[in-house]
């Protein structure tokens, strides 16, 4: 899916809308070195116990230092990118400290910027822990 620049509403409104959600919303830019967080909403910021200012710009392996958990997450991102299809799966915070054990229903989708080159992973994770 390509997002044309001229069709994007006021970014302030979009961020405000996303911050009303209780689901975690994030956007990662695909780079040669890995995945860089370029956006997360308020719910994800709270869950991560870190400010967006601190999170934005970090590589995913800096945010998720556990190599097993990182690899499990990245495998899903790579599958979505290679098939150019959205995916839905369950994941847990097992291996992610100091987060409490949480189960998420996660949906990710690969996106291509309007330049036709830059690739992104957009994700929404809903806490489904019983």
Protein backbone atom coordinates (compact mmCIF):
# COMPACT_ATOMS: atom_id res chain seq x y z
CA UNK A 1 0.00 0.00 0.00
CA UNK A 2 1.43 3.39 -0.96
CA UNK A 3 0.47 6.47 1.01
CA UNK A 4 0.32 9.56 -1.24
CA UNK A 5 1.60 12.63 0.58
CA UNK A 6 -1.23 14.90 -0.63
CA UNK A 7 -3.90 12.57 0.84
CA UNK A 8 -2.52 12.62 4.40
CA UNK A 9 -4.68 14.58 6.87
CA UNK A 10 -3.14 16.96 9.41
CA UNK A 11 -0.52 14.91 11.28
CA UNK A 12 -1.54 16.48 14.59
CA UNK A 13 -5.06 15.08 14.15
CA UNK A 14 -3.76 11.63 13.26
CA UNK A 15 -1.46 11.51 16.28
CA UNK A 16 -4.28 12.71 18.52
CA UNK A 17 -6.57 10.00 17.17
CA UNK A 18 -3.96 7.28 17.67
CA UNK A 19 -3.28 8.46 21.22
CA UNK A 20 -6.92 7.83 22.15
CA UNK A 21 -6.48 4.11 21.41
CA UNK A 22 -5.72 1.61 24.17
CA UNK A 23 -3.98 -0.65 21.63
CA UNK A 24 -0.27 -0.20 21.02
CA UNK A 25 0.33 1.44 17.63
CA UNK A 26 3.80 1.63 16.13
CA UNK A 27 5.61 2.36 12.89
CA UNK A 28 9.07 1.01 12.09
CA UNK A 29 11.23 2.08 9.15
CA UNK A 30 13.06 -0.78 7.46
CA UNK A 31 16.77 0.03 7.22
CA UNK A 32 19.85 -1.96 6.22
CA UNK A 33 20.79 -2.27 9.91
CA UNK A 34 17.33 -3.38 11.01
CA UNK A 35 14.12 -1.69 12.08
CA UNK A 36 14.00 1.87 13.45
CA UNK A 37 11.03 3.05 15.53
CA UNK A 38 9.68 6.23 13.98
CA UNK A 39 6.34 6.41 15.81
CA UNK A 40 4.50 4.91 18.76
CA UNK A 41 1.30 6.01 20.44
CA UNK A 42 0.67 6.90 24.07
CA UNK A 43 -0.44 3.36 25.02
CA UNK A 44 2.83 1.86 23.81
CA UNK A 45 4.82 4.64 25.47
CA UNK A 46 3.15 3.81 28.81
CA UNK A 47 3.68 0.08 28.40
CA UNK A 48 7.36 0.59 27.59
CA UNK A 49 7.77 2.92 30.60
CA UNK A 50 9.72 5.29 28.38
CA UNK A 51 8.90 8.55 26.67
CA UNK A 52 8.30 8.67 22.95
CA UNK A 53 11.22 11.06 22.73
CA UNK A 54 13.45 8.34 24.18
CA UNK A 55 11.94 5.58 22.01
CA UNK A 56 11.71 7.33 18.64
CA UNK A 57 14.79 6.80 16.53
CA UNK A 58 15.93 3.71 18.41
CA UNK A 59 16.65 0.51 16.57
CA UNK A 60 14.37 -2.39 17.48
CA UNK A 61 17.27 -4.42 18.89
CA UNK A 62 17.94 -1.54 21.31
CA UNK A 63 14.33 -1.58 22.47
CA UNK A 64 14.17 -5.40 22.59
CA UNK A 65 17.64 -6.56 23.66
CA UNK A 66 16.68 -10.22 24.25
CA UNK A 67 18.01 -11.97 21.11
CA UNK A 68 15.42 -14.78 21.15
CA UNK A 69 12.46 -12.41 21.47
CA UNK A 70 13.96 -10.03 18.91
CA UNK A 71 14.44 -12.85 16.39
CA UNK A 72 10.87 -14.09 16.93
CA UNK A 73 9.47 -10.61 16.27
CA UNK A 74 11.70 -9.91 13.26
CA UNK A 75 10.76 -13.22 11.61
CA UNK A 76 7.16 -11.99 11.43
CA UNK A 77 8.26 -8.62 10.03
CA UNK A 78 10.39 -10.33 7.38
CA UNK A 79 7.52 -12.64 6.40
CA UNK A 80 5.14 -9.66 6.00
CA UNK A 81 7.70 -7.77 3.92
CA UNK A 82 8.56 -10.73 1.68
CA UNK A 83 4.90 -11.52 0.95
CA UNK A 84 3.81 -7.86 0.97
CA UNK A 85 0.82 -8.99 3.01
CA UNK A 86 -0.66 -8.01 6.36
CA UNK A 87 -0.36 -10.61 9.10
CA UNK A 88 -2.08 -11.38 12.39
CA UNK A 89 -0.54 -13.44 15.18
CA UNK A 90 -0.33 -13.77 18.95
CA UNK A 91 2.82 -12.86 20.83
CA UNK A 92 3.86 -12.59 24.46
CA UNK A 93 6.23 -10.44 26.45
CA UNK A 94 8.18 -13.53 27.52
CA UNK A 95 11.83 -12.47 27.51
CA UNK A 96 10.96 -8.78 27.62
CA UNK A 97 11.85 -7.29 30.98
CA UNK A 98 10.57 -5.63 33.09
CA UNK A 99 7.16 -5.95 31.41
CA UNK A 100 4.59 -8.18 33.10
CA UNK A 101 3.66 -11.33 31.22
CA UNK A 102 1.23 -10.11 28.58
CA UNK A 103 -0.37 -11.75 25.55
CA UNK A 104 -0.97 -9.59 22.48
CA UNK A 105 -3.05 -10.04 19.36
CA UNK A 106 -0.77 -8.28 16.89
CA UNK A 107 -1.48 -7.16 13.35
CA UNK A 108 1.31 -5.90 11.15
CA UNK A 109 1.34 -4.62 7.60
CA UNK A 110 4.16 -3.63 5.27
CA UNK A 111 3.88 -0.11 3.88
CA UNK A 112 5.77 1.71 1.14
CA UNK A 113 6.30 5.46 1.40
CA UNK A 114 5.18 7.74 -1.41
CA UNK A 115 8.75 7.81 -2.74
CA UNK A 116 8.26 4.16 -3.70
CA UNK A 117 11.47 3.20 -1.92
CA UNK A 118 11.24 3.53 1.87
CA UNK A 119 9.57 0.54 3.52
CA UNK A 120 7.83 0.44 6.87
CA UNK A 121 6.14 -2.00 9.21
CA UNK A 122 2.95 -0.65 10.75
CA UNK A 123 1.68 -2.55 13.77
CA UNK A 124 -1.20 -2.63 16.22
CA UNK A 125 -1.00 -4.84 19.31
CA UNK A 126 -4.01 -5.47 21.55
CA UNK A 127 -3.60 -6.85 25.05
CA UNK A 128 -5.67 -10.05 25.19
CA UNK A 129 -4.28 -11.33 28.49
CA UNK A 130 -7.11 -12.99 30.41
